[in-house]
N, C-alpha and C. Protein backbone atom coordinates (compact mmCIF):
# COMPACT_ATOMS: atom_id res chain seq x y z
N MET A 1 0.85 -1.17 0.00
CA MET A 1 0.00 0.00 0.00
C MET A 1 0.90 1.23 0.00
N THR A 2 0.49 2.22 -0.79
CA THR A 2 1.22 3.48 -0.86
C THR A 2 0.35 4.60 -0.31
N GLU A 3 0.87 5.31 0.69
CA GLU A 3 0.16 6.45 1.25
C GLU A 3 0.76 7.72 0.65
N THR A 4 -0.12 8.63 0.22
CA THR A 4 0.31 9.92 -0.29
C THR A 4 -0.42 11.00 0.50
N ILE A 5 0.34 11.88 1.11
CA ILE A 5 -0.27 12.98 1.86
C ILE A 5 -0.60 14.09 0.87
N LEU A 6 -1.88 14.44 0.80
CA LEU A 6 -2.34 15.48 -0.11
C LEU A 6 -2.35 16.86 0.54
N ARG A 7 -2.71 16.88 1.82
CA ARG A 7 -2.76 18.15 2.56
C ARG A 7 -2.47 17.87 4.02
N ASP A 8 -1.46 18.55 4.54
CA ASP A 8 -1.11 18.43 5.95
C ASP A 8 -1.15 19.82 6.57
N GLU A 9 -2.32 20.19 7.00
CA GLU A 9 -2.53 21.50 7.63
C GLU A 9 -3.09 21.29 9.03
N LEU A 10 -2.47 20.38 9.76
CA LEU A 10 -2.92 20.12 11.13
C LEU A 10 -2.70 21.37 11.96
N PRO A 11 -3.55 21.67 12.88
CA PRO A 11 -4.58 20.80 13.44
C PRO A 11 -5.94 20.88 12.75
N ALA A 12 -6.06 21.61 11.64
CA ALA A 12 -7.38 21.79 11.02
C ALA A 12 -7.72 20.75 9.96
N HIS A 13 -6.73 20.33 9.15
CA HIS A 13 -7.01 19.44 8.02
C HIS A 13 -5.89 18.42 7.82
N PHE A 14 -6.28 17.25 7.35
CA PHE A 14 -5.32 16.24 6.92
C PHE A 14 -6.00 15.37 5.87
N ASP A 15 -5.44 15.37 4.67
CA ASP A 15 -6.01 14.58 3.57
C ASP A 15 -4.93 13.66 3.01
N GLY A 16 -5.36 12.49 2.58
CA GLY A 16 -4.40 11.56 2.00
C GLY A 16 -5.06 10.52 1.12
N THR A 17 -4.23 9.85 0.33
CA THR A 17 -4.72 8.73 -0.47
C THR A 17 -3.95 7.48 -0.06
N TYR A 18 -4.62 6.35 -0.21
CA TYR A 18 -4.04 5.05 0.10
C TYR A 18 -4.33 4.17 -1.11
N LYS A 19 -3.25 3.75 -1.79
CA LYS A 19 -3.41 3.06 -3.06
C LYS A 19 -2.78 1.67 -3.00
N MET A 20 -3.52 0.71 -3.53
CA MET A 20 -3.00 -0.63 -3.73
C MET A 20 -3.66 -1.19 -4.97
N LYS A 21 -3.25 -2.32 -5.41
CA LYS A 21 -3.75 -2.87 -6.66
C LYS A 21 -5.29 -2.95 -6.64
N GLY A 22 -5.93 -2.23 -7.55
CA GLY A 22 -7.37 -2.28 -7.69
C GLY A 22 -8.15 -1.35 -6.77
N VAL A 23 -7.45 -0.62 -5.88
CA VAL A 23 -8.16 0.22 -4.90
C VAL A 23 -7.44 1.55 -4.73
N LEU A 24 -8.19 2.63 -4.78
CA LEU A 24 -7.71 3.95 -4.41
C LEU A 24 -8.66 4.50 -3.37
N ASN A 25 -8.14 4.76 -2.18
CA ASN A 25 -8.93 5.26 -1.07
C ASN A 25 -8.47 6.68 -0.77
N THR A 26 -9.38 7.65 -0.86
CA THR A 26 -9.07 9.03 -0.54
C THR A 26 -9.81 9.41 0.73
N ILE A 27 -9.08 10.00 1.67
CA ILE A 27 -9.67 10.41 2.95
C ILE A 27 -9.39 11.88 3.16
N ARG A 28 -10.45 12.64 3.43
CA ARG A 28 -10.33 14.05 3.77
C ARG A 28 -10.82 14.23 5.20
N SER A 29 -9.93 14.70 6.07
CA SER A 29 -10.28 14.88 7.47
C SER A 29 -10.19 16.35 7.84
N SER A 30 -11.19 16.81 8.57
CA SER A 30 -11.14 18.17 9.11
C SER A 30 -11.49 18.11 10.59
N PHE A 31 -10.87 18.99 11.35
CA PHE A 31 -11.04 19.04 12.79
C PHE A 31 -11.48 20.45 13.17
N GLU A 32 -12.54 20.52 13.95
CA GLU A 32 -13.13 21.82 14.30
C GLU A 32 -13.35 21.88 15.81
N ASN A 33 -12.86 22.95 16.44
CA ASN A 33 -13.10 23.12 17.88
C ASN A 33 -14.57 23.44 18.09
N VAL A 34 -15.20 22.67 18.96
CA VAL A 34 -16.60 22.89 19.29
C VAL A 34 -16.69 23.59 20.63
N GLU A 35 -15.88 23.14 21.57
CA GLU A 35 -15.75 23.72 22.90
C GLU A 35 -14.28 23.62 23.28
N PRO A 36 -13.86 24.25 24.37
CA PRO A 36 -12.45 24.16 24.75
C PRO A 36 -11.93 22.72 24.89
N SER A 37 -12.78 21.81 25.28
CA SER A 37 -12.33 20.43 25.47
C SER A 37 -13.02 19.46 24.51
N SER A 38 -13.53 19.97 23.39
CA SER A 38 -14.27 19.12 22.46
C SER A 38 -13.94 19.49 21.01
N THR A 39 -13.70 18.47 20.21
CA THR A 39 -13.37 18.66 18.79
C THR A 39 -14.27 17.80 17.93
N ARG A 40 -14.74 18.36 16.84
CA ARG A 40 -15.52 17.59 15.87
C ARG A 40 -14.58 17.14 14.76
N TRP A 41 -14.60 15.85 14.48
CA TRP A 41 -13.79 15.29 13.39
C TRP A 41 -14.74 14.88 12.28
N VAL A 42 -14.58 15.47 11.11
CA VAL A 42 -15.37 15.11 9.94
C VAL A 42 -14.44 14.39 8.98
N SER A 43 -14.83 13.18 8.60
CA SER A 43 -14.01 12.38 7.71
C SER A 43 -14.82 12.01 6.48
N GLU A 44 -14.34 12.44 5.32
CA GLU A 44 -14.97 12.09 4.05
C GLU A 44 -14.09 11.02 3.40
N VAL A 45 -14.69 9.86 3.14
CA VAL A 45 -13.94 8.73 2.62
C VAL A 45 -14.50 8.33 1.27
N GLU A 46 -13.61 8.17 0.30
CA GLU A 46 -14.02 7.78 -1.04
C GLU A 46 -13.17 6.59 -1.49
N PHE A 47 -13.83 5.58 -2.01
CA PHE A 47 -13.13 4.43 -2.56
C PHE A 47 -13.37 4.38 -4.07
N LYS A 48 -12.33 4.10 -4.83
CA LYS A 48 -12.45 3.85 -6.26
C LYS A 48 -11.82 2.50 -6.53
N PHE A 49 -12.52 1.69 -7.31
CA PHE A 49 -12.08 0.33 -7.57
C PHE A 49 -11.90 0.11 -9.06
N THR A 50 -10.96 -0.77 -9.40
CA THR A 50 -10.75 -1.18 -10.78
C THR A 50 -10.66 -2.70 -10.84
N GLY A 51 -10.92 -3.22 -12.02
CA GLY A 51 -10.77 -4.66 -12.24
C GLY A 51 -11.66 -5.50 -11.34
N LEU A 52 -11.11 -6.61 -10.90
CA LEU A 52 -11.83 -7.56 -10.06
C LEU A 52 -12.31 -6.93 -8.75
N MET A 53 -11.59 -5.93 -8.27
CA MET A 53 -11.97 -5.28 -7.01
C MET A 53 -13.33 -4.60 -7.12
N LYS A 54 -13.77 -4.21 -8.32
CA LYS A 54 -15.11 -3.62 -8.48
C LYS A 54 -16.18 -4.62 -8.07
N ILE A 55 -16.00 -5.86 -8.45
CA ILE A 55 -16.98 -6.90 -8.12
C ILE A 55 -16.94 -7.21 -6.63
N ILE A 56 -15.76 -7.37 -6.10
CA ILE A 56 -15.61 -7.67 -4.67
C ILE A 56 -16.20 -6.53 -3.84
N ALA A 57 -15.91 -5.29 -4.21
CA ALA A 57 -16.39 -4.12 -3.46
C ALA A 57 -17.91 -4.04 -3.48
N TYR A 58 -18.52 -4.42 -4.57
CA TYR A 58 -19.98 -4.38 -4.66
C TYR A 58 -20.61 -5.21 -3.55
N PHE A 59 -20.04 -6.36 -3.28
CA PHE A 59 -20.60 -7.25 -2.27
C PHE A 59 -20.13 -6.91 -0.85
N MET A 60 -19.13 -6.04 -0.73
CA MET A 60 -18.57 -5.73 0.58
C MET A 60 -18.77 -4.27 0.98
N LYS A 61 -19.64 -3.52 0.31
CA LYS A 61 -19.73 -2.08 0.58
C LYS A 61 -20.08 -1.77 2.04
N ASP A 62 -20.92 -2.56 2.66
CA ASP A 62 -21.24 -2.33 4.07
C ASP A 62 -20.02 -2.55 4.96
N ASP A 63 -19.16 -3.48 4.58
CA ASP A 63 -17.95 -3.74 5.36
C ASP A 63 -17.00 -2.55 5.33
N PHE A 64 -16.92 -1.84 4.22
CA PHE A 64 -16.07 -0.66 4.13
C PHE A 64 -16.58 0.43 5.08
N LYS A 65 -17.88 0.62 5.14
CA LYS A 65 -18.46 1.61 6.05
C LYS A 65 -18.19 1.23 7.50
N LYS A 66 -18.40 -0.03 7.84
CA LYS A 66 -18.17 -0.50 9.21
C LYS A 66 -16.71 -0.32 9.61
N GLN A 67 -15.79 -0.64 8.72
CA GLN A 67 -14.36 -0.51 9.02
C GLN A 67 -14.00 0.95 9.27
N SER A 68 -14.55 1.86 8.50
CA SER A 68 -14.28 3.29 8.71
C SER A 68 -14.80 3.73 10.08
N GLU A 69 -15.96 3.26 10.47
CA GLU A 69 -16.52 3.59 11.79
C GLU A 69 -15.65 3.03 12.91
N ILE A 70 -15.13 1.83 12.74
CA ILE A 70 -14.25 1.22 13.75
C ILE A 70 -12.97 2.05 13.90
N ILE A 71 -12.38 2.46 12.78
CA ILE A 71 -11.16 3.27 12.83
C ILE A 71 -11.41 4.58 13.55
N MET A 72 -12.53 5.24 13.25
CA MET A 72 -12.85 6.51 13.91
C MET A 72 -13.09 6.30 15.40
N SER A 73 -13.77 5.24 15.76
CA SER A 73 -14.03 4.94 17.17
C SER A 73 -12.73 4.67 17.93
N ASN A 74 -11.84 3.92 17.32
CA ASN A 74 -10.55 3.63 17.96
C ASN A 74 -9.72 4.89 18.14
N PHE A 75 -9.74 5.78 17.14
CA PHE A 75 -9.01 7.03 17.25
C PHE A 75 -9.59 7.89 18.38
N LYS A 76 -10.91 7.92 18.47
CA LYS A 76 -11.58 8.68 19.54
C LYS A 76 -11.15 8.17 20.91
N LYS A 77 -11.13 6.87 21.09
CA LYS A 77 -10.70 6.28 22.36
C LYS A 77 -9.26 6.66 22.67
N PHE A 78 -8.40 6.64 21.66
CA PHE A 78 -7.00 6.97 21.83
C PHE A 78 -6.81 8.41 22.31
N VAL A 79 -7.47 9.36 21.67
CA VAL A 79 -7.26 10.77 22.02
C VAL A 79 -7.95 11.15 23.33
N GLU A 80 -8.90 10.37 23.77
CA GLU A 80 -9.60 10.70 25.01
C GLU A 80 -8.95 10.07 26.25
N LEU A 81 -7.85 9.37 26.06
CA LEU A 81 -7.17 8.76 27.21
C LEU A 81 -6.65 9.80 28.17
């Protein structure tokens, strides 16, 4: 897998792509202060598939959403320690 950082403007934004054979995953993250001790994280995730991965992805689309939610939940737990 190849990660490419598209925008590194932390603490407000971080965007990147993750590429492997048949899959291009683009993630756009923004962080917004809501209160002094609270931050809203908005993550826009886009998957593009080619070849055989198009067929596999069709049957696994719910799994991609669940995995993104798990990653966000784990990150939330980490930063709230």
